[in-house]
């Protein structure tokens, strides 16, 4: 299983995000999972593994760790 695809807004700490991607020609526009404003990413291809822990947005990281499957007891 591959993790989320990360896109860079700037080279500042915690400014690499993942979310909903829209491609407009050569430009990648991302609506971050953390709820921040959409932006044109600096990278065209997604980063699958960030090099530094402080590179990722904490809000987007938390959103990527939410459970996707909920188990319930059978009646």
N, C-alpha and C. Protein backbone atom coordinates (compact mmCIF):
# COMPACT_ATOMS: atom_id res chain seq x y z
N UNK A 1 0.84 -1.19 0.00
CA UNK A 1 0.00 0.00 0.00
C UNK A 1 0.88 1.24 0.00
N UNK A 2 0.60 2.17 -0.90
CA UNK A 2 1.36 3.41 -0.92
C UNK A 2 0.66 4.44 -0.07
N UNK A 3 1.45 5.33 0.50
CA UNK A 3 0.91 6.38 1.34
C UNK A 3 0.40 7.54 0.50
N UNK A 4 0.07 8.64 1.16
CA UNK A 4 -0.45 9.79 0.43
C UNK A 4 0.63 10.42 -0.47
N UNK A 5 0.16 11.12 -1.48
CA UNK A 5 1.06 11.84 -2.37
C UNK A 5 1.21 13.26 -1.83
N UNK A 6 2.44 13.70 -1.65
CA UNK A 6 2.74 15.00 -1.07
C UNK A 6 3.14 16.00 -2.13
N UNK A 7 2.67 17.24 -1.98
CA UNK A 7 3.00 18.32 -2.89
C UNK A 7 3.51 19.51 -2.09
N UNK A 8 4.49 20.21 -2.65
CA UNK A 8 5.21 21.28 -1.94
C UNK A 8 4.61 22.64 -2.27
N UNK A 9 4.25 23.40 -1.21
CA UNK A 9 3.80 24.78 -1.38
C UNK A 9 5.01 25.72 -1.32
N UNK A 10 5.88 25.48 -0.34
CA UNK A 10 7.10 26.27 -0.20
C UNK A 10 8.14 25.39 0.49
N UNK A 11 9.35 25.90 0.63
CA UNK A 11 10.41 25.13 1.27
C UNK A 11 10.45 25.36 2.78
N UNK A 12 9.45 26.02 3.34
CA UNK A 12 9.38 26.23 4.78
C UNK A 12 8.98 24.94 5.49
N UNK A 13 9.24 24.89 6.79
CA UNK A 13 8.82 23.74 7.59
C UNK A 13 7.31 23.57 7.52
N UNK A 14 6.86 22.33 7.49
CA UNK A 14 5.44 21.97 7.54
C UNK A 14 4.64 22.54 6.37
N UNK A 15 5.26 22.75 5.22
CA UNK A 15 4.54 23.32 4.09
C UNK A 15 4.52 22.38 2.88
N UNK A 16 4.57 21.07 3.15
CA UNK A 16 4.36 20.04 2.13
C UNK A 16 3.06 19.34 2.50
N UNK A 17 2.10 19.32 1.56
CA UNK A 17 0.74 18.90 1.86
C UNK A 17 0.29 17.77 0.94
N UNK A 18 -0.82 17.13 1.31
CA UNK A 18 -1.51 16.22 0.40
C UNK A 18 -2.99 16.53 0.47
N UNK A 19 -3.71 16.12 -0.55
CA UNK A 19 -5.15 16.41 -0.60
C UNK A 19 -5.70 16.10 -1.97
N UNK A 20 -6.64 16.92 -2.42
CA UNK A 20 -7.29 16.72 -3.71
C UNK A 20 -6.49 17.43 -4.79
N UNK A 21 -6.10 16.68 -5.81
CA UNK A 21 -5.26 17.20 -6.89
C UNK A 21 -6.10 17.51 -8.11
N UNK A 22 -5.83 18.66 -8.71
CA UNK A 22 -6.42 19.04 -9.98
C UNK A 22 -5.28 19.47 -10.89
N UNK A 23 -5.21 18.88 -12.07
CA UNK A 23 -4.15 19.22 -13.02
C UNK A 23 -4.69 20.18 -14.05
N UNK A 24 -3.99 21.29 -14.21
CA UNK A 24 -4.35 22.31 -15.20
C UNK A 24 -3.16 22.46 -16.14
N UNK A 25 -3.11 21.62 -17.15
CA UNK A 25 -1.95 21.61 -18.05
C UNK A 25 -0.75 21.06 -17.30
N UNK A 26 0.31 21.85 -17.23
CA UNK A 26 1.52 21.44 -16.50
C UNK A 26 1.48 21.81 -15.03
N UNK A 27 0.45 22.51 -14.61
CA UNK A 27 0.36 23.00 -13.23
C UNK A 27 -0.49 22.04 -12.40
N UNK A 28 -0.01 21.73 -11.19
CA UNK A 28 -0.75 20.91 -10.23
C UNK A 28 -1.32 21.85 -9.17
N UNK A 29 -2.65 21.88 -9.06
CA UNK A 29 -3.32 22.68 -8.03
C UNK A 29 -3.82 21.71 -6.97
N UNK A 30 -3.47 21.99 -5.72
CA UNK A 30 -3.81 21.09 -4.62
C UNK A 30 -4.71 21.78 -3.62
N UNK A 31 -5.79 21.08 -3.22
CA UNK A 31 -6.61 21.52 -2.10
C UNK A 31 -6.20 20.65 -0.92
N UNK A 32 -5.45 21.21 0.05
CA UNK A 32 -4.89 20.41 1.14
C UNK A 32 -5.95 19.75 2.03
N UNK A 33 -5.62 18.57 2.53
CA UNK A 33 -6.50 17.84 3.44
C UNK A 33 -6.64 18.56 4.77
N UNK A 34 -5.70 19.44 5.11
CA UNK A 34 -5.75 20.17 6.38
C UNK A 34 -6.76 21.31 6.36
N UNK A 35 -7.32 21.62 5.17
CA UNK A 35 -8.32 22.67 5.08
C UNK A 35 -7.73 24.02 4.68
N UNK A 36 -6.44 24.07 4.40
CA UNK A 36 -5.80 25.31 3.97
C UNK A 36 -6.24 25.71 2.57
N UNK A 37 -5.81 26.88 2.14
CA UNK A 37 -6.16 27.39 0.82
C UNK A 37 -5.48 26.56 -0.27
N UNK A 38 -6.15 26.43 -1.41
CA UNK A 38 -5.57 25.73 -2.56
C UNK A 38 -4.34 26.49 -3.05
N UNK A 39 -3.42 25.74 -3.65
CA UNK A 39 -2.20 26.36 -4.16
C UNK A 39 -1.66 25.60 -5.35
N UNK A 40 -0.85 26.29 -6.15
CA UNK A 40 -0.14 25.65 -7.26
C UNK A 40 1.15 25.07 -6.69
N UNK A 41 1.30 23.75 -6.80
CA UNK A 41 2.45 23.07 -6.20
C UNK A 41 3.74 23.37 -6.95
N UNK A 42 4.85 23.37 -6.22
CA UNK A 42 6.16 23.57 -6.83
C UNK A 42 6.59 22.33 -7.60
N UNK A 43 6.14 21.15 -7.18
CA UNK A 43 6.49 19.90 -7.87
C UNK A 43 5.32 19.42 -8.72
N UNK A 44 5.64 18.90 -9.90
CA UNK A 44 4.61 18.36 -10.80
C UNK A 44 4.30 16.91 -10.49
N UNK A 45 5.31 16.17 -10.06
CA UNK A 45 5.13 14.77 -9.68
C UNK A 45 5.07 14.68 -8.16
N UNK A 46 4.20 13.83 -7.64
CA UNK A 46 4.07 13.75 -6.18
C UNK A 46 5.29 13.13 -5.51
N UNK A 47 5.49 13.53 -4.27
CA UNK A 47 6.51 12.92 -3.41
C UNK A 47 5.78 11.85 -2.61
N UNK A 48 6.26 10.62 -2.64
CA UNK A 48 5.60 9.55 -1.90
C UNK A 48 6.19 9.37 -0.50
N UNK A 49 7.42 9.78 -0.34
CA UNK A 49 8.09 9.66 0.97
C UNK A 49 8.89 10.95 1.20
N UNK A 50 8.47 11.73 2.19
CA UNK A 50 9.18 12.98 2.49
C UNK A 50 10.54 12.67 3.11
N UNK A 51 11.52 13.49 2.79
CA UNK A 51 12.88 13.29 3.29
C UNK A 51 13.00 13.62 4.78
N UNK A 52 12.29 14.66 5.23
CA UNK A 52 12.41 15.12 6.60
C UNK A 52 11.04 15.12 7.27
N UNK A 53 10.99 14.74 8.55
CA UNK A 53 9.72 14.71 9.28
C UNK A 53 9.07 16.09 9.35
N UNK A 54 9.87 17.14 9.52
CA UNK A 54 9.32 18.49 9.67
C UNK A 54 8.87 19.09 8.33
N UNK A 55 9.03 18.32 7.26
CA UNK A 55 8.62 18.78 5.93
C UNK A 55 7.10 18.70 5.78
N UNK A 56 6.47 17.69 6.38
CA UNK A 56 5.04 17.45 6.20
C UNK A 56 4.18 18.36 7.07
N UNK A 57 3.02 18.72 6.54
CA UNK A 57 2.04 19.50 7.29
C UNK A 57 1.42 18.60 8.35
N UNK A 58 1.41 19.02 9.63
CA UNK A 58 0.83 18.17 10.68
C UNK A 58 -0.66 17.87 10.47
N UNK A 59 -1.41 18.85 9.95
CA UNK A 59 -2.83 18.64 9.71
C UNK A 59 -3.09 17.61 8.61
N UNK A 60 -2.31 17.70 7.54
CA UNK A 60 -2.45 16.72 6.44
C UNK A 60 -1.97 15.35 6.89
N UNK A 61 -0.94 15.31 7.70
CA UNK A 61 -0.42 14.05 8.21
C UNK A 61 -1.47 13.36 9.08
N UNK A 62 -2.13 14.13 9.95
CA UNK A 62 -3.18 13.57 10.81
C UNK A 62 -4.34 13.06 9.96
N UNK A 63 -4.70 13.78 8.91
CA UNK A 63 -5.79 13.36 8.02
C UNK A 63 -5.45 12.07 7.31
N UNK A 64 -4.17 11.87 6.99
CA UNK A 64 -3.78 10.66 6.28
C UNK A 64 -3.75 9.44 7.20
N UNK A 65 -3.74 9.66 8.49
CA UNK A 65 -3.69 8.56 9.45
C UNK A 65 -5.04 8.16 10.00
N UNK A 66 -6.11 8.83 9.55
CA UNK A 66 -7.45 8.48 10.01
C UNK A 66 -7.80 7.09 9.50
N UNK A 67 -8.43 6.27 10.34
CA UNK A 67 -8.80 4.93 9.88
C UNK A 67 -9.82 4.99 8.76
N UNK A 68 -9.64 4.14 7.78
CA UNK A 68 -10.53 4.10 6.62
C UNK A 68 -11.59 3.00 6.75
N UNK A 69 -11.39 2.10 7.69
CA UNK A 69 -12.29 0.96 7.86
C UNK A 69 -12.70 0.88 9.33
N UNK A 70 -13.97 0.73 9.55
CA UNK A 70 -14.48 0.61 10.93
C UNK A 70 -15.10 -0.77 11.08
N UNK A 71 -14.63 -1.51 12.05
CA UNK A 71 -15.15 -2.85 12.32
C UNK A 71 -16.28 -2.77 13.34
N UNK A 72 -17.35 -3.51 13.09
CA UNK A 72 -18.48 -3.54 14.02
C UNK A 72 -18.76 -4.99 14.36
N UNK A 73 -19.34 -5.21 15.53
CA UNK A 73 -19.67 -6.57 15.96
C UNK A 73 -20.90 -7.06 15.19
N UNK A 74 -20.89 -8.31 14.86
CA UNK A 74 -22.05 -8.91 14.18
C UNK A 74 -23.19 -9.06 15.19
N UNK A 75 -24.44 -8.89 14.74
CA UNK A 75 -25.57 -9.02 15.67
C UNK A 75 -25.80 -10.43 16.14
